[in-house]
Amino acid sequence: MQSLLLVLLFIVCALIGYKVITSVPSLLHTPLMTAMNALAGIALIGALTATALSVYLGNQILGYIAIFLATVNIFGGFALSHRMLKMFKQKEGGTKE
């Protein structure tokens, strides 16, 4: 019963998340993406903590994979945010780059 409830909760959260994301105007995508990078940092801290406290080798391996994926997510998000913000930066002459 508990597994069915967790799957149902996942489906409901996915549908609500999809609805929220599609309702966001395109003007807000860059600030929201930067905020999501901060959330990915929290996920990295959680992965580090869970890996440090894990006892079994299988859990540790999953923790290392989670740490790697969270790190890639953070780096990629900030690199993409930087690249997008660079498009709006002006040169010294007053024109865009």
C-alpha atoms as a PDB file:
ATOM      1  CA  MET A   1       0.000   0.000   0.000  1.00  0.00           C
ATOM      2  CA  GLN A   2       2.791   2.417   0.833  1.00  0.00           C
ATOM      3  CA  SER A   3       4.486   1.908  -2.561  1.00  0.00           C
ATOM      4  CA  LEU A   4       1.249   2.679  -4.380  1.00  0.00           C
ATOM      5  CA  LEU A   5       0.823   5.852  -2.333  1.00  0.00           C
ATOM      6  CA  LEU A   6       4.365   6.975  -3.150  1.00  0.00           C
ATOM      7  CA  VAL A   7       3.846   6.373  -6.887  1.00  0.00           C
ATOM      8  CA  LEU A   8       0.551   8.278  -6.754  1.00  0.00           C
ATOM      9  CA  LEU A   9       2.244  11.154  -4.916  1.00  0.00           C
ATOM     10  CA  PHE A  10       5.005  11.234  -7.543  1.00  0.00           C
ATOM     11  CA  ILE A  11       2.458  11.409 -10.383  1.00  0.00           C
ATOM     12  CA  VAL A  12       0.487  14.205  -8.698  1.00  0.00           C
ATOM     13  CA  CYS A  13       3.663  16.205  -8.017  1.00  0.00           C
ATOM     14  CA  ALA A  14       4.841  15.740 -11.610  1.00  0.00           C
ATOM     15  CA  LEU A  15       1.518  16.999 -12.980  1.00  0.00           C
ATOM     16  CA  ILE A  16       1.459  20.007 -10.644  1.00  0.00           C
ATOM     17  CA  GLY A  17       5.087  20.810 -11.506  1.00  0.00           C
ATOM     18  CA  TYR A  18       4.350  20.612 -15.222  1.00  0.00           C
ATOM     19  CA  LYS A  19       1.379  22.959 -14.809  1.00  0.00           C
ATOM     20  CA  VAL A  20       3.428  25.462 -12.791  1.00  0.00           C
ATOM     21  CA  ILE A  21       6.369  25.451 -15.217  1.00  0.00           C
ATOM     22  CA  THR A  22       4.206  25.926 -18.309  1.00  0.00           C
ATOM     23  CA  SER A  23       2.492  28.910 -16.627  1.00  0.00           C
ATOM     24  CA  VAL A  24       5.751  30.838 -16.114  1.00  0.00           C
ATOM     25  CA  PRO A  25       6.285  33.684 -18.608  1.00  0.00           C
ATOM     26  CA  SER A  26       9.508  33.467 -20.614  1.00  0.00           C
ATOM     27  CA  LEU A  27      10.766  36.718 -19.038  1.00  0.00           C
ATOM     28  CA  LEU A  28      11.162  34.934 -15.691  1.00  0.00           C
ATOM     29  CA  HIS A  29      13.014  31.861 -16.932  1.00  0.00           C
ATOM     30  CA  THR A  30      16.540  33.201 -16.244  1.00  0.00           C
ATOM     31  CA  PRO A  31      15.892  34.262 -12.609  1.00  0.00           C
ATOM     32  CA  LEU A  32      14.047  31.030 -11.924  1.00  0.00           C
ATOM     33  CA  MET A  33      16.862  28.983 -13.430  1.00  0.00           C
ATOM     34  CA  THR A  34      19.349  30.720 -11.126  1.00  0.00           C
ATOM     35  CA  ALA A  35      17.137  29.917  -8.134  1.00  0.00           C
ATOM     36  CA  MET A  36      17.010  26.286  -9.245  1.00  0.00           C
ATOM     37  CA  ASN A  37      20.822  26.235  -9.200  1.00  0.00           C
ATOM     38  CA  ALA A  38      20.660  27.155  -5.522  1.00  0.00           C
ATOM     39  CA  LEU A  39      18.198  24.315  -4.956  1.00  0.00           C
ATOM     40  CA  ALA A  40      20.578  21.929  -6.715  1.00  0.00           C
ATOM     41  CA  GLY A  41      23.197  23.015  -4.186  1.00  0.00           C
ATOM     42  CA  ILE A  42      20.878  21.906  -1.406  1.00  0.00           C
ATOM     43  CA  ALA A  43      20.445  18.567  -3.197  1.00  0.00           C
ATOM     44  CA  LEU A  44      24.239  18.241  -3.294  1.00  0.00           C
ATOM     45  CA  ILE A  45      24.453  18.808   0.455  1.00  0.00           C
ATOM     46  CA  GLY A  46      21.766  16.166   0.961  1.00  0.00           C
ATOM     47  CA  ALA A  47      23.630  13.710  -1.265  1.00  0.00           C
ATOM     48  CA  LEU A  48      26.868  14.339   0.629  1.00  0.00           C
ATOM     49  CA  THR A  49      25.143  13.796   3.972  1.00  0.00           C
ATOM     50  CA  ALA A  50      23.328  10.656   2.858  1.00  0.00           C
ATOM     51  CA  THR A  51      26.533   9.203   1.400  1.00  0.00           C
ATOM     52  CA  ALA A  52      28.511   9.977   4.531  1.00  0.00           C
ATOM     53  CA  LEU A  53      25.935   8.241   6.731  1.00  0.00           C
ATOM     54  CA  SER A  54      25.373   5.214   4.483  1.00  0.00           C
ATOM     55  CA  VAL A  55      26.535   1.825   5.744  1.00  0.00           C
ATOM     56  CA  TYR A  56      26.141  -0.503   2.766  1.00  0.00           C
ATOM     57  CA  LEU A  57      28.361  -0.388  -0.308  1.00  0.00           C
ATOM     58  CA  GLY A  58      25.402  -0.220  -2.710  1.00  0.00           C
ATOM     59  CA  ASN A  59      24.051   2.846  -0.926  1.00  0.00           C
ATOM     60  CA  GLN A  60      27.466   4.476  -1.023  1.00  0.00           C
ATOM     61  CA  ILE A  61      27.773   3.886  -4.758  1.00  0.00           C
ATOM     62  CA  LEU A  62      24.330   5.425  -5.317  1.00  0.00           C
ATOM     63  CA  GLY A  63      25.415   8.345  -3.127  1.00  0.00           C
ATOM     64  CA  TYR A  64      28.528   8.917  -5.208  1.00  0.00           C
ATOM     65  CA  ILE A  65      26.433   8.882  -8.372  1.00  0.00           C
ATOM     66  CA  ALA A  66      24.030  11.391  -6.778  1.00  0.00           C
ATOM     67  CA  ILE A  67      26.936  13.653  -5.807  1.00  0.00           C
ATOM     68  CA  PHE A  68      28.322  13.532  -9.347  1.00  0.00           C
ATOM     69  CA  LEU A  69      24.958  14.259 -10.968  1.00  0.00           C
ATOM     70  CA  ALA A  70      24.174  17.125  -8.576  1.00  0.00           C
ATOM     71  CA  THR A  71      27.603  18.645  -9.235  1.00  0.00           C
ATOM     72  CA  VAL A  72      27.114  18.426 -13.006  1.00  0.00           C
ATOM     73  CA  ASN A  73      23.660  19.983 -12.606  1.00  0.00           C
ATOM     74  CA  ILE A  74      25.024  22.909 -10.603  1.00  0.00           C
ATOM     75  CA  PHE A  75      27.945  23.547 -12.948  1.00  0.00           C
ATOM     76  CA  GLY A  76      25.808  23.293 -16.072  1.00  0.00           C
ATOM     77  CA  GLY A  77      23.098  25.541 -14.647  1.00  0.00           C
ATOM     78  CA  PHE A  78      25.495  28.297 -13.655  1.00  0.00           C
ATOM     79  CA  ALA A  79      27.366  28.051 -16.962  1.00  0.00           C
ATOM     80  CA  LEU A  80      24.108  28.363 -18.871  1.00  0.00           C
ATOM     81  CA  SER A  81      22.929  31.272 -16.692  1.00  0.00           C
ATOM     82  CA  HIS A  82      26.245  33.046 -17.250  1.00  0.00           C
ATOM     83  CA  ARG A  83      25.997  32.509 -20.989  1.00  0.00           C
ATOM     84  CA  MET A  84      22.443  33.831 -21.108  1.00  0.00           C
ATOM     85  CA  LEU A  85      23.283  36.903 -19.031  1.00  0.00           C
ATOM     86  CA  LYS A  86      26.304  37.583 -21.236  1.00  0.00           C
ATOM     87  CA  MET A  87      23.909  38.115 -24.146  1.00  0.00           C
ATOM     88  CA  PHE A  88      22.521  41.208 -22.401  1.00  0.00           C
ATOM     89  CA  LYS A  89      25.906  42.678 -21.468  1.00  0.00           C
ATOM     90  CA  GLN A  90      26.918  45.799 -23.382  1.00  0.00           C
ATOM     91  CA  LYS A  91      30.353  46.715 -24.657  1.00  0.00           C
ATOM     92  CA  GLU A  92      32.040  49.975 -23.664  1.00  0.00           C
ATOM     93  CA  GLY A  93      30.759  51.680 -26.820  1.00  0.00           C
ATOM     94  CA  GLY A  94      27.147  51.119 -25.779  1.00  0.00           C
ATOM     95  CA  THR A  95      26.347  48.267 -28.177  1.00  0.00           C
ATOM     96  CA  LYS A  96      25.622  44.686 -27.332  1.00  0.00           C
ATOM     97  CA  GLU A  97      28.382  42.080 -27.672  1.00  0.00           C
END
